[in-house]
């Protein structure tokens, strides 16, 4: 009968190096901490991006409200024969309300407040290029005011 070849075993230091001190494979506490920090960094970048997106969408919706009210005021003035600077009694309520040009009073999504007719008065048709509805966040870092409204 032939003798079976014997297997050479690895030195103790090599087996400890490959599988850890206790023979189990895994991550050290430092490696785990680094992985958690990387994940937290990526999540924080995601939140910063989402916040910027939210601010941009709030600004866009606010500008859409301003534009809709401006169009409503212009339409009301054209239908009823009012010109720029004319006094239109109860203008805000003629433009905004159920069955009107705008169904409900707009609310700024960015927590600003709207003021009606601040430049010429609530019951005055503003000249072209002057906004009837203005937001208090018009001077914010991302202004809630259209960049171009001279022909509105």
C-alpha atoms as a PDB file:
ATOM      1  CA  UNK A   1       0.000   0.000   0.000  1.00  0.00           C
ATOM      2  CA  UNK A   2       1.211   3.360  -0.855  1.00  0.00           C
ATOM      3  CA  UNK A   3       1.533   6.085   1.712  1.00  0.00           C
ATOM      4  CA  UNK A   4      -0.657   9.067   1.355  1.00  0.00           C
ATOM      5  CA  UNK A   5       1.123  12.365   0.739  1.00  0.00           C
ATOM      6  CA  UNK A   6       0.933  14.657   3.712  1.00  0.00           C
ATOM      7  CA  UNK A   7      -0.304  18.179   3.454  1.00  0.00           C
ATOM      8  CA  UNK A   8       1.861  20.938   4.636  1.00  0.00           C
ATOM      9  CA  UNK A   9       0.179  23.208   7.106  1.00  0.00           C
ATOM     10  CA  UNK A  10       0.656  26.934   7.112  1.00  0.00           C
ATOM     11  CA  UNK A  11       2.641  28.505   9.878  1.00  0.00           C
ATOM     12  CA  UNK A  12       0.557  29.835  12.750  1.00  0.00           C
ATOM     13  CA  UNK A  13       1.371  33.456  11.899  1.00  0.00           C
ATOM     14  CA  UNK A  14       0.054  33.081   8.331  1.00  0.00           C
ATOM     15  CA  UNK A  15      -3.273  31.584   9.390  1.00  0.00           C
ATOM     16  CA  UNK A  16      -3.727  34.334  11.989  1.00  0.00           C
ATOM     17  CA  UNK A  17      -3.016  36.983   9.381  1.00  0.00           C
ATOM     18  CA  UNK A  18      -5.558  35.576   6.922  1.00  0.00           C
ATOM     19  CA  UNK A  19      -8.443  35.025   9.260  1.00  0.00           C
ATOM     20  CA  UNK A  20      -7.921  37.377  12.175  1.00  0.00           C
ATOM     21  CA  UNK A  21      -6.708  36.489  15.641  1.00  0.00           C
ATOM     22  CA  UNK A  22      -9.600  34.282  16.587  1.00  0.00           C
ATOM     23  CA  UNK A  23      -9.999  32.605  13.222  1.00  0.00           C
ATOM     24  CA  UNK A  24     -13.085  34.620  12.135  1.00  0.00           C
ATOM     25  CA  UNK A  25     -13.057  36.973   9.153  1.00  0.00           C
ATOM     26  CA  UNK A  26     -14.497  40.480   9.683  1.00  0.00           C
ATOM     27  CA  UNK A  27     -13.908  44.198   9.913  1.00  0.00           C
ATOM     28  CA  UNK A  28     -12.064  46.026  12.610  1.00  0.00           C
ATOM     29  CA  UNK A  29     -13.701  48.798  14.578  1.00  0.00           C
ATOM     30  CA  UNK A  30     -11.675  51.422  12.707  1.00  0.00           C
ATOM     31  CA  UNK A  31     -12.777  50.065   9.325  1.00  0.00           C
ATOM     32  CA  UNK A  32     -16.394  50.016  10.436  1.00  0.00           C
ATOM     33  CA  UNK A  33     -16.122  53.601  11.701  1.00  0.00           C
ATOM     34  CA  UNK A  34     -14.671  54.749   8.369  1.00  0.00           C
ATOM     35  CA  UNK A  35     -17.501  53.073   6.446  1.00  0.00           C
ATOM     36  CA  UNK A  36     -20.117  54.738   8.674  1.00  0.00           C
ATOM     37  CA  UNK A  37     -18.455  58.148   8.251  1.00  0.00           C
ATOM     38  CA  UNK A  38     -18.415  57.780   4.465  1.00  0.00           C
ATOM     39  CA  UNK A  39     -22.106  56.830   4.443  1.00  0.00           C
ATOM     40  CA  UNK A  40     -23.010  59.760   6.705  1.00  0.00           C
ATOM     41  CA  UNK A  41     -21.073  62.130   4.442  1.00  0.00           C
ATOM     42  CA  UNK A  42     -22.959  60.894   1.391  1.00  0.00           C
ATOM     43  CA  UNK A  43     -26.292  61.242   3.187  1.00  0.00           C
ATOM     44  CA  UNK A  44     -25.475  64.812   4.267  1.00  0.00           C
ATOM     45  CA  UNK A  45     -24.621  65.725   0.664  1.00  0.00           C
ATOM     46  CA  UNK A  46     -27.974  64.278  -0.380  1.00  0.00           C
ATOM     47  CA  UNK A  47     -29.814  66.415   2.190  1.00  0.00           C
ATOM     48  CA  UNK A  48     -27.977  69.563   1.094  1.00  0.00           C
ATOM     49  CA  UNK A  49     -28.958  68.865  -2.508  1.00  0.00           C
ATOM     50  CA  UNK A  50     -32.571  68.187  -1.535  1.00  0.00           C
ATOM     51  CA  UNK A  51     -32.716  71.437   0.433  1.00  0.00           C
ATOM     52  CA  UNK A  52     -31.422  73.407  -2.550  1.00  0.00           C
ATOM     53  CA  UNK A  53     -33.987  71.700  -4.784  1.00  0.00           C
ATOM     54  CA  UNK A  54     -36.766  72.569  -2.312  1.00  0.00           C
ATOM     55  CA  UNK A  55     -35.697  76.226  -2.183  1.00  0.00           C
ATOM     56  CA  UNK A  56     -35.619  76.385  -5.970  1.00  0.00           C
ATOM     57  CA  UNK A  57     -39.059  74.826  -6.319  1.00  0.00           C
ATOM     58  CA  UNK A  58     -40.484  77.196  -3.676  1.00  0.00           C
ATOM     59  CA  UNK A  59     -39.061  80.147  -5.615  1.00  0.00           C
ATOM     60  CA  UNK A  60     -40.501  78.880  -8.903  1.00  0.00           C
ATOM     61  CA  UNK A  61     -43.967  78.375  -7.395  1.00  0.00           C
ATOM     62  CA  UNK A  62     -43.890  81.829  -5.799  1.00  0.00           C
ATOM     63  CA  UNK A  63     -43.016  83.398  -9.158  1.00  0.00           C
ATOM     64  CA  UNK A  64     -45.853  81.436 -10.766  1.00  0.00           C
ATOM     65  CA  UNK A  65     -48.269  82.877  -8.162  1.00  0.00           C
ATOM     66  CA  UNK A  66     -47.042  86.407  -8.884  1.00  0.00           C
ATOM     67  CA  UNK A  67     -47.389  85.837 -12.622  1.00  0.00           C
ATOM     68  CA  UNK A  68     -50.904  84.370 -12.299  1.00  0.00           C
ATOM     69  CA  UNK A  69     -52.109  87.320 -10.219  1.00  0.00           C
ATOM     70  CA  UNK A  70     -50.511  89.762 -12.646  1.00  0.00           C
ATOM     71  CA  UNK A  71     -52.266  88.073 -15.565  1.00  0.00           C
ATOM     72  CA  UNK A  72     -55.542  88.117 -13.629  1.00  0.00           C
ATOM     73  CA  UNK A  73     -55.221  91.850 -12.970  1.00  0.00           C
ATOM     74  CA  UNK A  74     -54.380  92.542 -16.638  1.00  0.00           C
ATOM     75  CA  UNK A  75     -57.305  90.387 -17.809  1.00  0.00           C
ATOM     76  CA  UNK A  76     -59.731  92.081 -15.426  1.00  0.00           C
ATOM     77  CA  UNK A  77     -58.525  95.502 -16.577  1.00  0.00           C
ATOM     78  CA  UNK A  78     -58.887  94.593 -20.265  1.00  0.00           C
ATOM     79  CA  UNK A  79     -62.347  93.057 -19.870  1.00  0.00           C
ATOM     80  CA  UNK A  80     -63.669  95.998 -17.868  1.00  0.00           C
ATOM     81  CA  UNK A  81     -61.974  98.786 -19.830  1.00  0.00           C
ATOM     82  CA  UNK A  82     -59.535  99.941 -17.149  1.00  0.00           C
ATOM     83  CA  UNK A  83     -56.162 101.425 -18.100  1.00  0.00           C
ATOM     84  CA  UNK A  84     -52.863 101.668 -16.271  1.00  0.00           C
ATOM     85  CA  UNK A  85     -53.220 103.755 -13.127  1.00  0.00           C
ATOM     86  CA  UNK A  86     -57.043 103.627 -13.153  1.00  0.00           C
ATOM     87  CA  UNK A  87     -58.896 103.040  -9.918  1.00  0.00           C
ATOM     88  CA  UNK A  88     -60.702  99.672  -9.980  1.00  0.00           C
ATOM     89  CA  UNK A  89     -62.941  99.350  -6.919  1.00  0.00           C
ATOM     90  CA  UNK A  90     -62.382  96.160  -4.932  1.00  0.00           C
ATOM     91  CA  UNK A  91     -59.717  94.991  -7.419  1.00  0.00           C
ATOM     92  CA  UNK A  92     -58.244  92.230  -5.251  1.00  0.00           C
ATOM     93  CA  UNK A  93     -61.632  90.602  -4.652  1.00  0.00           C
ATOM     94  CA  UNK A  94     -62.572  90.942  -8.317  1.00  0.00           C
ATOM     95  CA  UNK A  95     -59.448  89.028  -9.352  1.00  0.00           C
ATOM     96  CA  UNK A  96     -59.121  86.485  -6.516  1.00  0.00           C
ATOM     97  CA  UNK A  97     -61.995  84.325  -5.332  1.00  0.00           C
ATOM     98  CA  UNK A  98     -64.253  81.486  -6.401  1.00  0.00           C
ATOM     99  CA  UNK A  99     -65.348  81.968  -9.981  1.00  0.00           C
ATOM    100  CA  UNK A 100     -62.723  84.698 -10.505  1.00  0.00           C
ATOM    101  CA  UNK A 101     -59.412  84.655 -12.372  1.00  0.00           C
ATOM    102  CA  UNK A 102     -57.668  82.984  -9.420  1.00  0.00           C
ATOM    103  CA  UNK A 103     -59.752  80.670  -7.219  1.00  0.00           C
ATOM    104  CA  UNK A 104     -57.912  81.055  -3.890  1.00  0.00           C
ATOM    105  CA  UNK A 105     -55.588  83.621  -2.368  1.00  0.00           C
ATOM    106  CA  UNK A 106     -52.037  82.463  -3.107  1.00  0.00           C
ATOM    107  CA  UNK A 107     -49.707  81.545  -0.242  1.00  0.00           C
ATOM    108  CA  UNK A 108     -45.935  81.760  -0.596  1.00  0.00           C
ATOM    109  CA  UNK A 109     -44.479  78.241  -0.316  1.00  0.00           C
ATOM    110  CA  UNK A 110     -41.236  79.642   1.119  1.00  0.00           C
ATOM    111  CA  UNK A 111     -42.948  81.087   4.243  1.00  0.00           C
ATOM    112  CA  UNK A 112     -42.966  84.612   2.853  1.00  0.00           C
ATOM    113  CA  UNK A 113     -46.050  86.816   2.798  1.00  0.00           C
ATOM    114  CA  UNK A 114     -47.699  88.482  -0.152  1.00  0.00           C
ATOM    115  CA  UNK A 115     -48.751  92.094  -0.323  1.00  0.00           C
ATOM    116  CA  UNK A 116     -51.170  93.397  -2.924  1.00  0.00           C
ATOM    117  CA  UNK A 117     -50.762  96.717  -4.704  1.00  0.00           C
ATOM    118  CA  UNK A 118     -47.933  98.018  -2.536  1.00  0.00           C
ATOM    119  CA  UNK A 119     -46.610 100.417  -5.186  1.00  0.00           C
ATOM    120  CA  UNK A 120     -49.801 102.144  -6.408  1.00  0.00           C
ATOM    121  CA  UNK A 121     -52.508 100.898  -4.051  1.00  0.00           C
ATOM    122  CA  UNK A 122     -54.725  97.842  -3.711  1.00  0.00           C
ATOM    123  CA  UNK A 123     -57.455  99.237  -6.006  1.00  0.00           C
ATOM    124  CA  UNK A 124     -55.192 100.712  -8.709  1.00  0.00           C
ATOM    125  CA  UNK A 125     -54.295  98.933 -11.933  1.00  0.00           C
ATOM    126  CA  UNK A 126     -50.480  98.978 -11.963  1.00  0.00           C
ATOM    127  CA  UNK A 127     -48.659 100.152 -15.085  1.00  0.00           C
ATOM    128  CA  UNK A 128     -46.966  97.551 -17.275  1.00  0.00           C
ATOM    129  CA  UNK A 129     -43.709  96.517 -15.625  1.00  0.00           C
ATOM    130  CA  UNK A 130     -44.958  97.013 -12.054  1.00  0.00           C
ATOM    131  CA  UNK A 131     -46.003  93.958 -10.056  1.00  0.00           C
ATOM    132  CA  UNK A 132     -49.389  93.998  -8.315  1.00  0.00           C
ATOM    133  CA  UNK A 133     -48.439  91.102  -6.013  1.00  0.00           C
ATOM    134  CA  UNK A 134     -45.106  91.185  -4.195  1.00  0.00           C
ATOM    135  CA  UNK A 135     -43.468  88.663  -1.874  1.00  0.00           C
ATOM    136  CA  UNK A 136     -41.508  89.587   1.250  1.00  0.00           C
ATOM    137  CA  UNK A 137     -38.772  87.177   0.096  1.00  0.00           C
ATOM    138  CA  UNK A 138     -38.036  89.305  -2.982  1.00  0.00           C
ATOM    139  CA  UNK A 139     -34.672  90.316  -1.489  1.00  0.00           C
ATOM    140  CA  UNK A 140     -33.741  86.815  -0.263  1.00  0.00           C
ATOM    141  CA  UNK A 141     -30.593  85.049  -1.535  1.00  0.00           C
ATOM    142  CA  UNK A 142     -32.804  83.256  -4.065  1.00  0.00           C
ATOM    143  CA  UNK A 143     -35.312  86.058  -4.680  1.00  0.00           C
ATOM    144  CA  UNK A 144     -39.005  85.257  -4.985  1.00  0.00           C
ATOM    145  CA  UNK A 145     -39.387  87.773  -7.749  1.00  0.00           C
ATOM    146  CA  UNK A 146     -39.171  87.175 -11.477  1.00  0.00           C
ATOM    147  CA  UNK A 147     -35.936  88.322 -13.041  1.00  0.00           C
ATOM    148  CA  UNK A 148     -37.772  89.875 -15.982  1.00  0.00           C
ATOM    149  CA  UNK A 149     -41.292  91.308 -15.695  1.00  0.00           C
ATOM    150  CA  UNK A 150     -41.003  94.615 -17.560  1.00  0.00           C
ATOM    151  CA  UNK A 151     -43.640  93.535 -20.100  1.00  0.00           C
ATOM    152  CA  UNK A 152     -46.089  92.055 -17.590  1.00  0.00           C
END
